């Protein structure tokens, strides 16, 4: 078994890259360390190594974006398993493993020896995700926040807040769409559509808290356009998985995903990565990815 550590040196600030490399060397494993230099490197490296056919464990050392690239490179390769070492600013997929996920997944020795499971993947116009795909207001907020990162005295959280205010108060909550999801056909203004394989996104939102990432079923929530006052009233309930309390405003379907169409270009966020198009086909992929985690961790809701 070979172990490949793909490190995003620009992710997060809590762990020095040299310190991480020293920890890796002390494991005594057959290993290789590669630092990414630009967007797309992690995906390319993972695919190149997977195609060699050797039994391989790949550690995506970074945030959700680094993990997403590695997943897209390794998807469908049975000889490969991937994981996420949480040195990024966001590691939403790992939250399914419990509150102490950061400490558990930072223990490289325990992680290297842990079990693995074949996880479902979501396909959005050809881009794969292991966690959640959203389109609508939440996707626009996530994409637009980068516009405000360079403002004086504005932090990452601050840029997200500014983006939320701009999108809710200025651009509006709903956009005209056509949504097909199982037996649901809806034509009208929607606030958002969220398709889940994992449970968390956006730094802590948990729209569906009881779904499993390996059961071959996607959970989809469709939130129709509501007033600003209703939106803010819904926000806490939506973010804590209480969608069942609002059946007239939030529609839930279990199945293989959704198709969302718009007259104007729509944006979706796939594990934090933007995908654009007038038609967003969000489906359960026929590919899976092996994901390994520390022994003693679990992601069951029971």
Protein backbone atom coordinates (compact mmCIF):
# COMPACT_ATOMS: atom_id res chain seq x y z
CA UNK A 1 0.00 0.00 0.00
CA UNK A 2 1.34 3.40 -1.04
CA UNK A 3 0.27 6.65 0.63
CA UNK A 4 0.08 9.90 -1.35
CA UNK A 5 -0.22 13.20 0.50
CA UNK A 6 -1.45 16.03 -1.72
CA UNK A 7 -0.97 19.26 0.23
CA UNK A 8 -2.52 22.60 -0.63
CA UNK A 9 0.05 24.97 0.93
CA UNK A 10 -2.34 27.94 0.78
CA UNK A 11 -5.15 26.21 2.71
CA UNK A 12 -5.75 27.44 6.25
CA UNK A 13 -3.18 28.77 8.68
CA UNK A 14 -3.21 26.38 11.63
CA UNK A 15 -0.63 23.88 10.48
CA UNK A 16 2.71 24.78 8.92
CA UNK A 17 3.41 22.75 5.78
CA UNK A 18 6.90 21.81 6.96
CA UNK A 19 5.49 20.56 10.26
CA UNK A 20 2.94 18.45 8.38
CA UNK A 21 5.63 16.98 6.13
CA UNK A 22 7.69 16.04 9.19
CA UNK A 23 4.69 14.28 10.73
CA UNK A 24 4.18 12.34 7.51
CA UNK A 25 7.79 11.20 7.35
CA UNK A 26 7.62 10.00 10.96
CA UNK A 27 4.79 7.61 10.11
CA UNK A 28 7.20 5.20 8.48
CA UNK A 29 4.88 4.56 5.53
CA UNK A 30 5.67 4.09 1.88
CA UNK A 31 4.69 7.59 0.87
CA UNK A 32 4.98 10.52 -1.47
CA UNK A 33 4.31 14.20 -0.74
CA UNK A 34 3.24 16.59 -3.49
CA UNK A 35 2.41 20.28 -2.99
CA UNK A 36 -0.11 21.84 -5.35
CA UNK A 37 0.78 25.00 -7.19
CA UNK A 38 -2.46 25.96 -8.90
CA UNK A 39 -6.13 25.06 -9.16
CA UNK A 40 -6.65 21.67 -10.79
CA UNK A 41 -3.32 20.20 -9.65
CA UNK A 42 -4.87 17.93 -7.00
CA UNK A 43 -7.34 16.45 -9.49
CA UNK A 44 -4.65 15.85 -12.11
CA UNK A 45 -2.23 14.29 -9.63
CA UNK A 46 -4.88 12.02 -8.14
CA UNK A 47 -6.00 10.79 -11.57
CA UNK A 48 -2.45 10.19 -12.78
CA UNK A 49 -1.54 8.15 -9.71
CA UNK A 50 -4.85 6.23 -9.72
CA UNK A 51 -4.32 5.14 -13.31
CA UNK A 52 -1.10 3.36 -12.33
CA UNK A 53 -3.26 0.64 -10.77
CA UNK A 54 -1.35 0.39 -7.48
CA UNK A 55 -3.22 0.13 -4.18
CA UNK A 56 -3.18 3.72 -3.03
CA UNK A 57 -4.46 5.93 -0.26
CA UNK A 58 -4.66 9.64 -1.09
CA UNK A 59 -4.75 12.28 1.63
CA UNK A 60 -6.28 15.58 0.48
CA UNK A 61 -4.53 17.99 2.86
CA UNK A 62 -6.58 21.15 2.70
CA UNK A 63 -10.19 22.23 2.71
CA UNK A 64 -13.32 21.23 0.86
CA UNK A 65 -11.91 22.43 -2.46
CA UNK A 66 -8.82 20.23 -2.18
CA UNK A 67 -10.95 17.22 -1.26
CA UNK A 68 -13.28 17.91 -4.17
CA UNK A 69 -10.40 17.94 -6.64
CA UNK A 70 -9.02 14.65 -5.28
CA UNK A 71 -12.48 13.05 -5.39
CA UNK A 72 -12.91 14.04 -9.03
CA UNK A 73 -9.52 12.56 -9.85
CA UNK A 74 -10.01 9.29 -7.95
CA UNK A 75 -13.71 8.58 -8.59
CA UNK A 76 -14.39 5.14 -10.03
CA UNK A 77 -10.97 3.66 -9.20
CA UNK A 78 -11.38 0.66 -6.90
CA UNK A 79 -7.65 0.56 -6.16
CA UNK A 80 -7.77 4.01 -4.58
CA UNK A 81 -9.21 5.42 -1.35
CA UNK A 82 -9.22 9.09 -0.38
CA UNK A 83 -9.52 11.09 2.82
CA UNK A 84 -9.27 14.67 4.03
CA UNK A 85 -6.66 16.05 6.45
CA UNK A 86 -8.42 19.17 7.78
CA UNK A 87 -5.98 22.01 7.36
CA UNK A 88 -8.37 24.14 5.31
CA UNK A 89 -10.72 26.91 6.35
CA UNK A 90 -13.68 24.61 5.72
CA UNK A 91 -14.04 20.84 5.96
CA UNK A 92 -17.80 20.40 5.79
CA UNK A 93 -17.91 16.78 4.62
CA UNK A 94 -15.93 15.61 7.67
CA UNK A 95 -18.59 16.96 10.04
CA UNK A 96 -20.61 13.75 9.52
CA UNK A 97 -17.97 11.97 11.65
CA UNK A 98 -18.77 13.91 14.83
CA UNK A 99 -17.83 17.06 16.70
CA UNK A 100 -14.20 16.02 17.22
CA UNK A 101 -13.62 15.34 13.52
CA UNK A 102 -10.72 17.81 13.27
CA UNK A 103 -8.70 16.12 15.99
CA UNK A 104 -9.54 12.63 14.74
CA UNK A 105 -8.66 13.31 11.11
CA UNK A 106 -5.51 15.19 12.13
CA UNK A 107 -4.15 12.03 13.79
CA UNK A 108 -2.31 10.74 10.72
CA UNK A 109 -1.29 7.44 12.28
CA UNK A 110 -4.86 6.47 13.20
CA UNK A 111 -6.13 7.80 9.87
CA UNK A 112 -3.66 5.77 7.82
CA UNK A 113 -4.82 2.53 9.45
CA UNK A 114 -8.56 3.25 9.41
CA UNK A 115 -11.38 1.50 7.52
CA UNK A 116 -12.92 2.72 4.30
CA UNK A 117 -16.39 2.89 2.76
CA UNK A 118 -17.64 3.40 -0.79
CA UNK A 119 -19.33 6.81 -0.79
CA UNK A 120 -21.98 8.05 -3.20
CA UNK A 121 -21.17 10.92 -5.52
CA UNK A 122 -23.33 13.66 -7.01
CA UNK A 123 -22.83 14.61 -10.66
CA UNK A 124 -23.63 18.22 -11.60
CA UNK A 125 -23.10 18.80 -15.32
CA UNK A 126 -20.11 16.47 -15.25
CA UNK A 127 -18.51 17.79 -12.06
CA UNK A 128 -18.60 15.39 -9.12
CA UNK A 129 -19.22 16.13 -5.46
CA UNK A 130 -19.12 13.96 -2.35
CA UNK A 131 -21.12 16.26 -0.09
CA UNK A 132 -23.81 18.74 -1.22
CA UNK A 133 -24.79 20.54 -4.44
CA UNK A 134 -26.86 23.69 -4.11
CA UNK A 135 -28.20 26.25 -6.54
CA UNK A 136 -30.06 29.45 -5.86
CA UNK A 137 -29.59 32.01 -3.14
CA UNK A 138 -27.08 30.04 -1.06
CA UNK A 139 -24.97 29.32 -4.14
CA UNK A 140 -24.99 32.97 -5.18
CA UNK A 141 -23.93 34.05 -1.70
CA UNK A 142 -21.07 31.54 -1.67
CA UNK A 143 -19.80 32.59 -5.10
CA UNK A 144 -20.20 36.35 -4.60
CA UNK A 145 -18.43 36.44 -1.21
CA UNK A 146 -15.06 36.34 -2.97
CA UNK A 147 -15.80 39.80 -4.39
CA UNK A 148 -15.57 41.28 -0.90
CA UNK A 149 -12.50 39.47 0.44
CA UNK A 150 -10.20 42.33 -0.56
CA UNK A 151 -12.19 45.01 1.24
CA UNK A 152 -10.41 46.69 4.20
CA UNK A 153 -11.19 45.08 7.57
CA UNK A 154 -13.33 42.39 5.95
CA UNK A 155 -12.60 38.82 7.06
CA UNK A 156 -13.84 35.58 5.51
CA UNK A 157 -16.93 35.62 7.73
CA UNK A 158 -17.45 39.30 7.00
CA UNK A 159 -17.32 38.79 3.24
CA UNK A 160 -19.93 36.05 3.55
CA UNK A 161 -22.18 38.37 5.58
CA UNK A 162 -21.83 41.20 3.05
CA UNK A 163 -22.60 38.82 0.22
CA UNK A 164 -25.69 37.56 2.04
CA UNK A 165 -27.00 41.10 2.57
CA UNK A 166 -26.31 42.05 -1.05
CA UNK A 167 -28.05 38.99 -2.45
CA UNK A 168 -31.07 39.04 -0.13
CA UNK A 169 -31.74 42.78 -0.03
CA UNK A 170 -30.48 43.92 -3.44
CA UNK A 171 -30.65 41.03 -5.90
CA UNK A 172 -33.66 39.34 -4.35
CA UNK A 173 -34.37 35.89 -3.03
CA UNK A 174 -36.02 34.02 -5.90
CA UNK A 175 -35.26 33.47 -9.58
CA UNK A 176 -37.56 31.98 -12.25
CA UNK A 177 -36.79 28.28 -12.69
CA UNK A 178 -38.24 24.98 -13.74
CA UNK A 179 -37.49 22.18 -11.29
CA UNK A 180 -38.01 18.48 -11.93
CA UNK A 181 -37.35 16.18 -8.99
CA UNK A 182 -39.02 12.80 -8.90
CA UNK A 183 -42.78 13.40 -8.98
CA UNK A 184 -42.28 17.13 -8.39
CA UNK A 185 -42.56 19.47 -11.37
CA UNK A 186 -42.45 23.12 -10.42
CA UNK A 187 -42.37 26.23 -12.58
CA UNK A 188 -41.92 29.49 -10.72
CA UNK A 189 -39.49 31.44 -8.60
CA UNK A 190 -37.33 29.35 -6.28
CA UNK A 191 -35.11 30.47 -3.44
CA UNK A 192 -32.85 27.44 -3.63
CA UNK A 193 -32.49 23.78 -4.50
CA UNK A 194 -30.22 21.64 -2.35
CA UNK A 195 -29.21 18.07 -3.26
CA UNK A 196 -27.50 16.18 -0.44
CA UNK A 197 -25.33 13.11 -0.15
CA UNK A 198 -23.46 14.45 2.88
CA UNK A 199 -25.07 16.49 5.64
CA UNK A 200 -23.26 19.80 6.08
CA UNK A 201 -22.32 22.74 3.91
CA UNK A 202 -21.83 26.48 4.11
CA UNK A 203 -19.74 26.23 7.26
CA UNK A 204 -22.33 24.40 9.35
CA UNK A 205 -25.74 24.33 7.67
CA UNK A 206 -27.34 20.89 7.99
CA UNK A 207 -30.41 20.83 5.68
CA UNK A 208 -31.04 17.06 6.00
CA UNK A 209 -29.55 15.58 9.14
CA UNK A 210 -30.52 11.92 8.82
CA UNK A 211 -29.31 11.02 5.33
CA UNK A 212 -26.50 8.57 4.72
CA UNK A 213 -23.64 9.22 2.27
CA UNK A 214 -23.45 5.62 1.07
CA UNK A 215 -27.06 4.45 0.67
CA UNK A 216 -27.50 5.17 -3.04
CA UNK A 217 -30.16 7.83 -2.41
CA UNK A 218 -29.94 11.61 -2.66
CA UNK A 219 -32.03 13.92 -0.49
CA UNK A 220 -33.33 17.02 -2.28
CA UNK A 221 -34.92 20.14 -0.79
CA UNK A 222 -36.67 22.72 -2.97
CA UNK A 223 -37.42 26.05 -1.28
CA UNK A 224 -39.86 28.20 -3.20
CA UNK A 225 -39.59 31.98 -3.21
CA UNK A 226 -40.68 33.56 0.06
CA UNK A 227 -40.68 37.07 1.47
CA UNK A 228 -37.56 38.42 3.13
CA UNK A 229 -39.21 38.21 6.54
CA UNK A 230 -40.21 34.59 5.96
CA UNK A 231 -36.77 33.76 4.61
CA UNK A 232 -35.04 34.92 7.79
CA UNK A 233 -37.62 33.03 9.84
CA UNK A 234 -36.94 29.88 7.81
CA UNK A 235 -33.17 30.19 7.85
CA UNK A 236 -32.52 28.69 11.28
CA UNK A 237 -34.98 25.84 10.74
CA UNK A 238 -33.55 25.05 7.29
CA UNK A 239 -29.98 25.10 8.59
CA UNK A 240 -30.79 22.69 11.41
CA UNK A 241 -32.62 20.06 9.37
CA UNK A 242 -36.16 21.03 10.41
CA UNK A 243 -37.58 21.23 6.89
CA UNK A 244 -40.51 18.98 7.84
CA UNK A 245 -41.99 21.83 9.87
CA UNK A 246 -42.64 23.83 6.67
CA UNK A 247 -44.14 21.44 4.07
CA UNK A 248 -45.80 24.31 2.16
CA UNK A 249 -42.53 26.19 1.73
CA UNK A 250 -39.87 23.47 1.59
CA UNK A 251 -40.49 20.41 -0.57
CA UNK A 252 -38.49 17.26 0.15
CA UNK A 253 -37.85 14.35 -2.20
CA UNK A 254 -35.67 11.23 -1.91
CA UNK A 255 -34.30 9.81 -5.16
CA UNK A 256 -31.60 10.36 -7.71
CA UNK A 257 -31.47 14.15 -7.78
CA UNK A 258 -33.03 17.01 -9.72
CA UNK A 259 -32.89 19.02 -12.93
CA UNK A 260 -33.06 22.81 -12.63
CA UNK A 261 -33.56 25.09 -15.63
CA UNK A 262 -33.55 28.85 -15.92
CA UNK A 263 -33.98 31.52 -18.60
CA UNK A 264 -30.75 33.09 -17.41
CA UNK A 265 -27.53 31.34 -16.44
CA UNK A 266 -27.72 29.63 -13.07
CA UNK A 267 -24.87 28.91 -10.69
CA UNK A 268 -24.50 25.78 -8.59
CA UNK A 269 -21.92 25.13 -5.91
CA UNK A 270 -20.53 21.58 -5.80
CA UNK A 271 -18.71 21.08 -2.50
CA UNK A 272 -17.81 24.76 -2.68
CA UNK A 273 -16.81 24.74 -6.37
CA UNK A 274 -18.98 26.77 -8.84
CA UNK A 275 -20.66 25.22 -11.89
CA UNK A 276 -22.71 27.37 -14.29
CA UNK A 277 -25.34 26.74 -16.93
CA UNK A 278 -28.92 27.44 -17.94
CA UNK A 279 -29.62 23.78 -17.20
CA UNK A 280 -28.19 22.06 -14.14
CA UNK A 281 -28.53 18.28 -14.21
CA UNK A 282 -27.83 17.14 -10.64
CA UNK A 283 -27.88 13.35 -10.44
CA UNK A 284 -26.56 10.42 -8.45
CA UNK A 285 -23.36 9.41 -10.23
CA UNK A 286 -22.76 5.84 -11.35
CA UNK A 287 -19.27 6.26 -9.88
CA UNK A 288 -18.35 5.98 -6.21
CA UNK A 289 -15.22 6.89 -4.31
CA UNK A 290 -13.64 4.94 -1.45
CA UNK A 291 -13.26 7.16 1.59
CA UNK A 292 -11.19 6.13 4.61
CA UNK A 293 -11.46 7.45 8.15
CA UNK A 294 -10.00 6.79 11.63
CA UNK A 295 -11.02 3.61 13.40
CA UNK A 296 -13.68 4.34 15.97
CA UNK A 297 -15.24 7.13 13.90
CA UNK A 298 -18.64 6.62 12.34
CA UNK A 299 -21.19 8.49 10.28
CA UNK A 300 -24.37 6.66 11.19
CA UNK A 301 -27.23 8.78 12.49
CA UNK A 302 -28.37 6.03 14.88
